[in-house]
Amino acid sequence: MKWTDSEDIGIALFEKFPQIDPLTVRFTDLREKVIALEGFTDDPHASNEPKLEAIQMAWYEEHKDGD
């Protein structure tokens, strides 16, 4: 997965952290969670606020649909 794979990353984060409300996660913590995902192969330093926001929203969509 790469930073631009926000939907895939959102699904993976929901599967790994179903109990966490994505809207409570700071971007610095979100970045660390993404980098730690199995299958994430992008440059850890290539993240930015728009990419993290897209990931957070994709994770949130999975989270709210999973409730």
PDB file of N, CA and C in Angstrom:
ATOM      1  N   MET A   1       0.839  -1.181   0.000  1.00  0.00           N
ATOM      2  CA  MET A   1       0.000   0.000   0.000  1.00  0.00           C
ATOM      3  C   MET A   1       0.885   1.245   0.000  1.00  0.00           C
ATOM      4  N   LYS A   2       0.342   2.270  -0.601  1.00  0.00           N
ATOM      5  CA  LYS A   2       1.020   3.558  -0.674  1.00  0.00           C
ATOM      6  C   LYS A   2       0.123   4.608  -0.014  1.00  0.00           C
ATOM      7  N   TRP A   3       0.675   5.796   0.256  1.00  0.00           N
ATOM      8  CA  TRP A   3      -0.081   6.867   0.903  1.00  0.00           C
ATOM      9  C   TRP A   3      -1.365   7.198   0.156  1.00  0.00           C
ATOM     10  N   THR A   4      -1.362   7.020  -1.159  1.00  0.00           N
ATOM     11  CA  THR A   4      -2.533   7.370  -1.954  1.00  0.00           C
ATOM     12  C   THR A   4      -3.620   6.295  -1.928  1.00  0.00           C
ATOM     13  N   ASP A   5      -3.357   5.160  -1.331  1.00  0.00           N
ATOM     14  CA  ASP A   5      -4.340   4.076  -1.231  1.00  0.00           C
ATOM     15  C   ASP A   5      -5.203   4.254   0.018  1.00  0.00           C
ATOM     16  N   SER A   6      -5.839   5.416   0.116  1.00  0.00           N
ATOM     17  CA  SER A   6      -6.537   5.766   1.353  1.00  0.00           C
ATOM     18  C   SER A   6      -7.641   4.775   1.712  1.00  0.00           C
ATOM     19  N   GLU A   7      -8.400   4.298   0.740  1.00  0.00           N
ATOM     20  CA  GLU A   7      -9.481   3.352   1.059  1.00  0.00           C
ATOM     21  C   GLU A   7      -8.928   2.037   1.598  1.00  0.00           C
ATOM     22  N   ASP A   8      -7.893   1.507   0.953  1.00  0.00           N
ATOM     23  CA  ASP A   8      -7.288   0.254   1.421  1.00  0.00           C
ATOM     24  C   ASP A   8      -6.681   0.435   2.810  1.00  0.00           C
ATOM     25  N   ILE A   9      -6.040   1.554   3.023  1.00  0.00           N
ATOM     26  CA  ILE A   9      -5.441   1.822   4.332  1.00  0.00           C
ATOM     27  C   ILE A   9      -6.538   1.989   5.383  1.00  0.00           C
ATOM     28  N   GLY A  10      -7.611   2.686   5.029  1.00  0.00           N
ATOM     29  CA  GLY A  10      -8.729   2.858   5.961  1.00  0.00           C
ATOM     30  C   GLY A  10      -9.318   1.526   6.393  1.00  0.00           C
ATOM     31  N   ILE A  11      -9.474   0.617   5.447  1.00  0.00           N
ATOM     32  CA  ILE A  11      -9.988  -0.718   5.763  1.00  0.00           C
ATOM     33  C   ILE A  11      -9.018  -1.461   6.678  1.00  0.00           C
ATOM     34  N   ALA A  12      -7.732  -1.399   6.347  1.00  0.00           N
ATOM     35  CA  ALA A  12      -6.722  -2.095   7.157  1.00  0.00           C
ATOM     36  C   ALA A  12      -6.674  -1.535   8.575  1.00  0.00           C
ATOM     37  N   LEU A  13      -6.789  -0.219   8.712  1.00  0.00           N
ATOM     38  CA  LEU A  13      -6.779   0.386  10.049  1.00  0.00           C
ATOM     39  C   LEU A  13      -8.015  -0.018  10.839  1.00  0.00           C
ATOM     40  N   PHE A  14      -9.166  -0.060  10.180  1.00  0.00           N
ATOM     41  CA  PHE A  14     -10.383  -0.481  10.869  1.00  0.00           C
ATOM     42  C   PHE A  14     -10.270  -1.928  11.335  1.00  0.00           C
ATOM     43  N   GLU A  15      -9.717  -2.785  10.491  1.00  0.00           N
ATOM     44  CA  GLU A  15      -9.557  -4.190  10.869  1.00  0.00           C
ATOM     45  C   GLU A  15      -8.579  -4.356  12.023  1.00  0.00           C
ATOM     46  N   LYS A  16      -7.543  -3.536  12.048  1.00  0.00           N
ATOM     47  CA  LYS A  16      -6.535  -3.646  13.103  1.00  0.00           C
ATOM     48  C   LYS A  16      -6.954  -2.937  14.395  1.00  0.00           C
ATOM     49  N   PHE A  17      -7.692  -1.843  14.261  1.00  0.00           N
ATOM     50  CA  PHE A  17      -8.080  -1.037  15.425  1.00  0.00           C
ATOM     51  C   PHE A  17      -9.586  -0.742  15.405  1.00  0.00           C
ATOM     52  N   PRO A  18     -10.437  -1.768  15.471  1.00  0.00           N
ATOM     53  CA  PRO A  18     -11.882  -1.535  15.359  1.00  0.00           C
ATOM     54  C   PRO A  18     -12.459  -0.705  16.507  1.00  0.00           C
ATOM     55  N   GLN A  19     -11.791  -0.688  17.638  1.00  0.00           N
ATOM     56  CA  GLN A  19     -12.300   0.011  18.811  1.00  0.00           C
ATOM     57  C   GLN A  19     -11.941   1.493  18.827  1.00  0.00           C
ATOM     58  N   ILE A  20     -11.065   1.937  17.939  1.00  0.00           N
ATOM     59  CA  ILE A  20     -10.619   3.333  17.943  1.00  0.00           C
ATOM     60  C   ILE A  20     -11.505   4.173  17.036  1.00  0.00           C
ATOM     61  N   ASP A  21     -11.953   5.315  17.552  1.00  0.00           N
ATOM     62  CA  ASP A  21     -12.672   6.292  16.736  1.00  0.00           C
ATOM     63  C   ASP A  21     -11.617   7.078  15.949  1.00  0.00           C
ATOM     64  N   PRO A  22     -11.597   6.948  14.634  1.00  0.00           N
ATOM     65  CA  PRO A  22     -10.554   7.588  13.828  1.00  0.00           C
ATOM     66  C   PRO A  22     -10.490   9.108  13.997  1.00  0.00           C
ATOM     67  N   LEU A  23     -11.607   9.724  14.345  1.00  0.00           N
ATOM     68  CA  LEU A  23     -11.618  11.175  14.479  1.00  0.00           C
ATOM     69  C   LEU A  23     -10.907  11.649  15.736  1.00  0.00           C
ATOM     70  N   THR A  24     -10.545  10.716  16.614  1.00  0.00           N
ATOM     71  CA  THR A  24      -9.822  11.087  17.837  1.00  0.00           C
ATOM     72  C   THR A  24      -8.309  10.906  17.688  1.00  0.00           C
ATOM     73  N   VAL A  25      -7.870  10.423  16.529  1.00  0.00           N
ATOM     74  CA  VAL A  25      -6.449  10.114  16.314  1.00  0.00           C
ATOM     75  C   VAL A  25      -5.738  11.320  15.703  1.00  0.00           C
ATOM     76  N   ARG A  26      -4.677  11.769  16.365  1.00  0.00           N
ATOM     77  CA  ARG A  26      -3.871  12.872  15.822  1.00  0.00           C
ATOM     78  C   ARG A  26      -3.124  12.383  14.589  1.00  0.00           C
ATOM     79  N   PHE A  27      -2.844  13.300  13.671  1.00  0.00           N
ATOM     80  CA  PHE A  27      -2.161  12.925  12.438  1.00  0.00           C
ATOM     81  C   PHE A  27      -0.792  12.311  12.700  1.00  0.00           C
ATOM     82  N   THR A  28      -0.090  12.757  13.727  1.00  0.00           N
ATOM     83  CA  THR A  28       1.220  12.161  14.026  1.00  0.00           C
ATOM     84  C   THR A  28       1.062  10.695  14.410  1.00  0.00           C
ATOM     85  N   ASP A  29       0.008  10.384  15.168  1.00  0.00           N
ATOM     86  CA  ASP A  29      -0.252   8.998  15.558  1.00  0.00           C
ATOM     87  C   ASP A  29      -0.787   8.189  14.376  1.00  0.00           C
ATOM     88  N   LEU A  30      -1.609   8.814  13.564  1.00  0.00           N
ATOM     89  CA  LEU A  30      -2.132   8.148  12.381  1.00  0.00           C
ATOM     90  C   LEU A  30      -0.995   7.747  11.452  1.00  0.00           C
ATOM     91  N   ARG A  31      -0.072   8.650  11.251  1.00  0.00           N
ATOM     92  CA  ARG A  31       1.087   8.372  10.389  1.00  0.00           C
ATOM     93  C   ARG A  31       1.833   7.140  10.886  1.00  0.00           C
ATOM     94  N   GLU A  32       2.057   7.049  12.191  1.00  0.00           N
ATOM     95  CA  GLU A  32       2.768   5.903  12.762  1.00  0.00           C
ATOM     96  C   GLU A  32       1.976   4.606  12.583  1.00  0.00           C
ATOM     97  N   LYS A  33       0.665   4.675  12.744  1.00  0.00           N
ATOM     98  CA  LYS A  33      -0.166   3.482  12.571  1.00  0.00           C
ATOM     99  C   LYS A  33      -0.111   2.997  11.122  1.00  0.00           C
ATOM    100  N   VAL A  34      -0.148   3.940  10.173  1.00  0.00           N
ATOM    101  CA  VAL A  34      -0.098   3.572   8.756  1.00  0.00           C
ATOM    102  C   VAL A  34       1.244   2.933   8.422  1.00  0.00           C
ATOM    103  N   ILE A  35       2.318   3.553   8.849  1.00  0.00           N
ATOM    104  CA  ILE A  35       3.656   3.037   8.559  1.00  0.00           C
ATOM    105  C   ILE A  35       3.825   1.613   9.109  1.00  0.00           C
ATOM    106  N   ALA A  36       3.177   1.322  10.230  1.00  0.00           N
ATOM    107  CA  ALA A  36       3.310   0.012  10.875  1.00  0.00           C
ATOM    108  C   ALA A  36       2.431  -1.067  10.241  1.00  0.00           C
ATOM    109  N   LEU A  37       1.532  -0.684   9.333  1.00  0.00           N
ATOM    110  CA  LEU A  37       0.647  -1.689   8.720  1.00  0.00           C
ATOM    111  C   LEU A  37       1.436  -2.663   7.855  1.00  0.00           C
ATOM    112  N   GLU A  38       1.053  -3.931   7.958  1.00  0.00           N
ATOM    113  CA  GLU A  38       1.634  -4.932   7.078  1.00  0.00           C
ATOM    114  C   GLU A  38       1.193  -4.618   5.646  1.00  0.00           C
ATOM    115  N   GLY A  39       2.124  -4.610   4.742  1.00  0.00           N
ATOM    116  CA  GLY A  39       1.798  -4.319   3.354  1.00  0.00           C
ATOM    117  C   GLY A  39       2.012  -2.874   2.955  1.00  0.00           C
ATOM    118  N   PHE A  40       2.331  -2.012   3.932  1.00  0.00           N
ATOM    119  CA  PHE A  40       2.607  -0.618   3.590  1.00  0.00           C
ATOM    120  C   PHE A  40       4.052  -0.533   3.117  1.00  0.00           C
ATOM    121  N   THR A  41       4.234  -0.027   1.894  1.00  0.00           N
ATOM    122  CA  THR A  41       5.576  -0.040   1.300  1.00  0.00           C
ATOM    123  C   THR A  41       6.043   1.324   0.820  1.00  0.00           C
ATOM    124  N   ASP A  42       5.286   2.373   1.093  1.00  0.00           N
ATOM    125  CA  ASP A  42       5.645   3.702   0.606  1.00  0.00           C
ATOM    126  C   ASP A  42       6.688   4.355   1.507  1.00  0.00           C
ATOM    127  N   ASP A  43       7.242   5.451   1.026  1.00  0.00           N
ATOM    128  CA  ASP A  43       8.222   6.233   1.777  1.00  0.00           C
ATOM    129  C   ASP A  43       7.545   6.820   3.012  1.00  0.00           C
ATOM    130  N   PRO A  44       8.017   6.505   4.200  1.00  0.00           N
ATOM    131  CA  PRO A  44       7.394   7.029   5.426  1.00  0.00           C
ATOM    132  C   PRO A  44       7.383   8.560   5.490  1.00  0.00           C
ATOM    133  N   HIS A  45       8.300   9.187   4.791  1.00  0.00           N
ATOM    134  CA  HIS A  45       8.409  10.651   4.835  1.00  0.00           C
ATOM    135  C   HIS A  45       7.554  11.328   3.760  1.00  0.00           C
ATOM    136  N   ALA A  46       6.844  10.564   2.958  1.00  0.00           N
ATOM    137  CA  ALA A  46       6.057  11.131   1.858  1.00  0.00           C
ATOM    138  C   ALA A  46       4.630  11.484   2.264  1.00  0.00           C
ATOM    139  N   SER A  47       4.316  11.353   3.531  1.00  0.00           N
ATOM    140  CA  SER A  47       2.962  11.701   3.969  1.00  0.00           C
ATOM    141  C   SER A  47       2.823  13.220   4.054  1.00  0.00           C
ATOM    142  N   ASN A  48       1.583  13.666   3.976  1.00  0.00           N
ATOM    143  CA  ASN A  48       1.294  15.080   4.189  1.00  0.00           C
ATOM    144  C   ASN A  48      -0.135  15.185   4.719  1.00  0.00           C
ATOM    145  N   GLU A  49      -0.538  16.377   5.080  1.00  0.00           N
ATOM    146  CA  GLU A  49      -1.843  16.548   5.712  1.00  0.00           C
ATOM    147  C   GLU A  49      -3.006  16.087   4.820  1.00  0.00           C
ATOM    148  N   PRO A  50      -3.043  16.439   3.534  1.00  0.00           N
ATOM    149  CA  PRO A  50      -4.159  15.957   2.699  1.00  0.00           C
ATOM    150  C   PRO A  50      -4.219  14.432   2.591  1.00  0.00           C
ATOM    151  N   LYS A  51      -3.069  13.772   2.501  1.00  0.00           N
ATOM    152  CA  LYS A  51      -3.059  12.309   2.421  1.00  0.00           C
ATOM    153  C   LYS A  51      -3.551  11.697   3.723  1.00  0.00           C
ATOM    154  N   LEU A  52      -3.091  12.236   4.845  1.00  0.00           N
ATOM    155  CA  LEU A  52      -3.520  11.716   6.144  1.00  0.00           C
ATOM    156  C   LEU A  52      -5.004  11.977   6.382  1.00  0.00           C
ATOM    157  N   GLU A  53      -5.479  13.126   5.938  1.00  0.00           N
ATOM    158  CA  GLU A  53      -6.897  13.423   6.087  1.00  0.00           C
ATOM    159  C   GLU A  53      -7.745  12.453   5.262  1.00  0.00           C
ATOM    160  N   ALA A  54      -7.314  12.144   4.052  1.00  0.00           N
ATOM    161  CA  ALA A  54      -8.040  11.183   3.217  1.00  0.00           C
ATOM    162  C   ALA A  54      -8.066   9.806   3.870  1.00  0.00           C
ATOM    163  N   ILE A  55      -6.950   9.408   4.454  1.00  0.00           N
ATOM    164  CA  ILE A  55      -6.881   8.117   5.159  1.00  0.00           C
ATOM    165  C   ILE A  55      -7.802   8.127   6.370  1.00  0.00           C
ATOM    166  N   GLN A  56      -7.759   9.212   7.125  1.00  0.00           N
ATOM    167  CA  GLN A  56      -8.604   9.314   8.314  1.00  0.00           C
ATOM    168  C   GLN A  56     -10.085   9.230   7.939  1.00  0.00           C
ATOM    169  N   MET A  57     -10.486   9.885   6.869  1.00  0.00           N
ATOM    170  CA  MET A  57     -11.888   9.852   6.436  1.00  0.00           C
ATOM    171  C   MET A  57     -12.290   8.474   5.925  1.00  0.00           C
ATOM    172  N   ALA A  58     -11.376   7.794   5.224  1.00  0.00           N
ATOM    173  CA  ALA A  58     -11.660   6.431   4.760  1.00  0.00           C
ATOM    174  C   ALA A  58     -11.808   5.496   5.959  1.00  0.00           C
ATOM    175  N   TRP A  59     -10.955   5.652   6.949  1.00  0.00           N
ATOM    176  CA  TRP A  59     -11.038   4.847   8.176  1.00  0.00           C
ATOM    177  C   TRP A  59     -12.353   5.151   8.894  1.00  0.00           C
ATOM    178  N   TYR A  60     -12.701   6.435   8.953  1.00  0.00           N
ATOM    179  CA  TYR A  60     -13.948   6.826   9.611  1.00  0.00           C
ATOM    180  C   TYR A  60     -15.163   6.192   8.915  1.00  0.00           C
ATOM    181  N   GLU A  61     -15.161   6.175   7.589  1.00  0.00           N
ATOM    182  CA  GLU A  61     -16.265   5.554   6.852  1.00  0.00           C
ATOM    183  C   GLU A  61     -16.410   4.079   7.219  1.00  0.00           C
ATOM    184  N   GLU A  62     -15.291   3.380   7.323  1.00  0.00           N
ATOM    185  CA  GLU A  62     -15.326   1.966   7.740  1.00  0.00           C
ATOM    186  C   GLU A  62     -15.831   1.853   9.176  1.00  0.00           C
ATOM    187  N   HIS A  63     -15.363   2.736  10.027  1.00  0.00           N
ATOM    188  CA  HIS A  63     -15.710   2.714  11.445  1.00  0.00           C
ATOM    189  C   HIS A  63     -17.209   2.948  11.643  1.00  0.00           C
ATOM    190  N   LYS A  64     -17.758   3.953  10.995  1.00  0.00           N
ATOM    191  CA  LYS A  64     -19.181   4.249  11.193  1.00  0.00           C
ATOM    192  C   LYS A  64     -20.065   3.186  10.545  1.00  0.00           C
ATOM    193  N   ASP A  65     -19.617   2.594   9.445  1.00  0.00           N
ATOM    194  CA  ASP A  65     -20.383   1.524   8.818  1.00  0.00           C
ATOM    195  C   ASP A  65     -20.302   0.230   9.627  1.00  0.00           C
ATOM    196  N   GLY A  66     -19.229   0.088  10.406  1.00  0.00           N
ATOM    197  CA  GLY A  66     -19.025  -1.119  11.202  1.00  0.00           C
ATOM    198  C   GLY A  66     -19.798  -1.121  12.500  1.00  0.00           C
ATOM    199  N   ASP A  67     -20.303   0.052  12.887  1.00  0.00           N
ATOM    200  CA  ASP A  67     -21.067   0.135  14.154  1.00  0.00           C
ATOM    201  C   ASP A  67     -22.458  -0.421  14.007  1.00  0.00           C
TER     202      ASP A  67
END
